[in-house]
């Protein structure tokens, strides 16, 4: 595994973490309120009070997640054009790692889009 593959893997996992944190801090409260479960969310805040602090910094968290996802996408694009090793076993492992990285990346993008819709669009509509 070369350094570029390690950097891409790290960026993919960071983007997944960042988009998940956006989902937890920002989309979860909106989702509970839209579903009419405000009382359930209030009891959830008593168990996890750090959600209030995270929600106060939702713009910074969203921008950091967007930056991480953009970096991961750029690294995925860059490494997708690189050749895999000529050895058949290493070549299969390289292609499998790239495919897994793409799945993680697109999962991160999906989570980020879902969180963004429930954080910034749904509260303005309802």
Protein backbone atom coordinates (compact mmCIF):
# COMPACT_ATOMS: atom_id res chain seq x y z
CA UNK A 1 0.00 0.00 0.00
CA UNK A 2 1.57 3.29 -1.07
CA UNK A 3 1.38 6.64 0.69
CA UNK A 4 -1.26 8.00 -1.69
CA UNK A 5 -3.60 5.10 -0.92
CA UNK A 6 -3.10 5.62 2.81
CA UNK A 7 -3.85 9.35 2.43
CA UNK A 8 -7.02 8.58 0.46
CA UNK A 9 -8.15 6.02 3.03
CA UNK A 10 -7.55 8.48 5.86
CA UNK A 11 -9.41 11.24 4.00
CA UNK A 12 -12.35 8.91 3.30
CA UNK A 13 -12.69 7.95 6.94
CA UNK A 14 -12.34 11.58 8.01
CA UNK A 15 -15.09 12.61 5.59
CA UNK A 16 -17.32 9.84 6.95
CA UNK A 17 -16.66 11.02 10.51
CA UNK A 18 -17.27 14.65 9.58
CA UNK A 19 -20.51 13.93 7.77
CA UNK A 20 -21.68 11.74 10.65
CA UNK A 21 -20.96 14.50 13.13
CA UNK A 22 -22.98 16.88 10.96
CA UNK A 23 -25.82 14.39 11.02
CA UNK A 24 -25.70 14.02 14.81
CA UNK A 25 -25.28 17.68 15.71
CA UNK A 26 -27.58 19.30 13.25
CA UNK A 27 -29.95 16.94 11.44
CA UNK A 28 -31.01 14.87 14.42
CA UNK A 29 -32.64 17.78 16.30
CA UNK A 30 -34.47 18.92 13.18
CA UNK A 31 -35.65 15.41 12.42
CA UNK A 32 -37.05 14.93 15.92
CA UNK A 33 -38.90 18.24 15.79
CA UNK A 34 -40.32 17.59 12.30
CA UNK A 35 -41.55 14.17 13.42
CA UNK A 36 -43.25 15.74 16.43
CA UNK A 37 -40.92 14.13 18.93
CA UNK A 38 -39.73 17.31 20.60
CA UNK A 39 -40.26 15.85 24.08
CA UNK A 40 -38.16 12.82 23.15
CA UNK A 41 -35.43 15.12 21.92
CA UNK A 42 -35.58 17.13 25.15
CA UNK A 43 -35.02 13.96 27.17
CA UNK A 44 -32.20 13.02 24.80
CA UNK A 45 -30.54 16.36 25.58
CA UNK A 46 -30.57 15.57 29.28
CA UNK A 47 -28.64 12.38 28.56
CA UNK A 48 -26.29 13.94 25.95
CA UNK A 49 -25.91 17.65 26.85
CA UNK A 50 -22.98 18.10 24.45
CA UNK A 51 -25.50 18.12 21.59
CA UNK A 52 -26.42 21.69 22.57
CA UNK A 53 -22.80 22.82 22.20
CA UNK A 54 -22.47 21.03 18.88
CA UNK A 55 -25.68 22.64 17.60
CA UNK A 56 -24.38 26.10 18.48
CA UNK A 57 -21.42 25.51 16.14
CA UNK A 58 -23.33 23.84 13.31
CA UNK A 59 -22.08 26.19 10.58
CA UNK A 60 -18.42 25.54 11.46
CA UNK A 61 -19.06 21.80 11.69
CA UNK A 62 -20.84 21.81 8.33
CA UNK A 63 -18.02 23.77 6.68
CA UNK A 64 -15.39 21.43 8.14
CA UNK A 65 -17.37 18.43 6.89
CA UNK A 66 -17.66 19.99 3.44
CA UNK A 67 -13.91 20.65 3.38
CA UNK A 68 -13.18 17.06 4.43
CA UNK A 69 -15.55 15.63 1.84
CA UNK A 70 -14.05 17.85 -0.86
CA UNK A 71 -10.53 16.74 0.08
CA UNK A 72 -11.56 13.08 0.07
CA UNK A 73 -13.22 13.49 -3.34
CA UNK A 74 -10.13 15.12 -4.78
CA UNK A 75 -7.88 12.37 -3.39
CA UNK A 76 -10.23 9.69 -4.70
CA UNK A 77 -10.17 11.28 -8.14
CA UNK A 78 -6.39 11.59 -8.05
CA UNK A 79 -5.74 8.00 -6.96
CA UNK A 80 -8.36 6.52 -9.30
CA UNK A 81 -6.12 7.51 -12.23
CA UNK A 82 -3.00 5.92 -10.76
CA UNK A 83 -1.94 2.45 -11.92
CA UNK A 84 -2.31 -0.56 -9.65
CA UNK A 85 0.60 -2.99 -9.13
CA UNK A 86 1.27 -5.53 -11.88
CA UNK A 87 1.21 -8.41 -9.41
CA UNK A 88 -2.24 -10.06 -9.74
CA UNK A 89 -2.85 -10.37 -5.99
CA UNK A 90 -1.72 -6.82 -5.24
CA UNK A 91 -3.67 -5.52 -8.24
CA UNK A 92 -6.90 -7.11 -6.97
CA UNK A 93 -6.28 -5.70 -3.50
CA UNK A 94 -5.66 -2.26 -5.01
CA UNK A 95 -8.89 -2.34 -7.00
CA UNK A 96 -10.85 -3.64 -4.01
CA UNK A 97 -9.46 -0.88 -1.80
CA UNK A 98 -10.37 1.76 -4.38
CA UNK A 99 -13.89 0.40 -4.68
CA UNK A 100 -14.32 0.32 -0.90
CA UNK A 101 -12.99 3.88 -0.71
CA UNK A 102 -15.56 5.02 -3.28
CA UNK A 103 -18.37 3.41 -1.27
CA UNK A 104 -17.19 5.15 1.89
CA UNK A 105 -16.89 8.44 0.03
CA UNK A 106 -20.34 8.30 -1.55
CA UNK A 107 -21.82 7.20 1.79
CA UNK A 108 -20.23 10.30 3.34
CA UNK A 109 -21.65 12.51 0.61
CA UNK A 110 -25.10 10.99 1.13
CA UNK A 111 -24.95 11.54 4.89
CA UNK A 112 -23.76 15.10 4.40
CA UNK A 113 -26.56 15.90 1.94
CA UNK A 114 -29.18 14.37 4.25
CA UNK A 115 -27.83 16.31 7.23
CA UNK A 116 -27.66 19.55 5.24
CA UNK A 117 -31.25 19.24 4.06
CA UNK A 118 -32.53 18.60 7.59
CA UNK A 119 -30.32 21.29 9.10
CA UNK A 120 -30.82 24.21 6.77
CA UNK A 121 -33.78 23.56 4.44
CA UNK A 122 -36.42 21.66 6.44
CA UNK A 123 -36.52 24.16 9.37
CA UNK A 124 -37.18 27.00 6.93
CA UNK A 125 -40.01 25.12 5.22
CA UNK A 126 -41.85 24.02 8.38
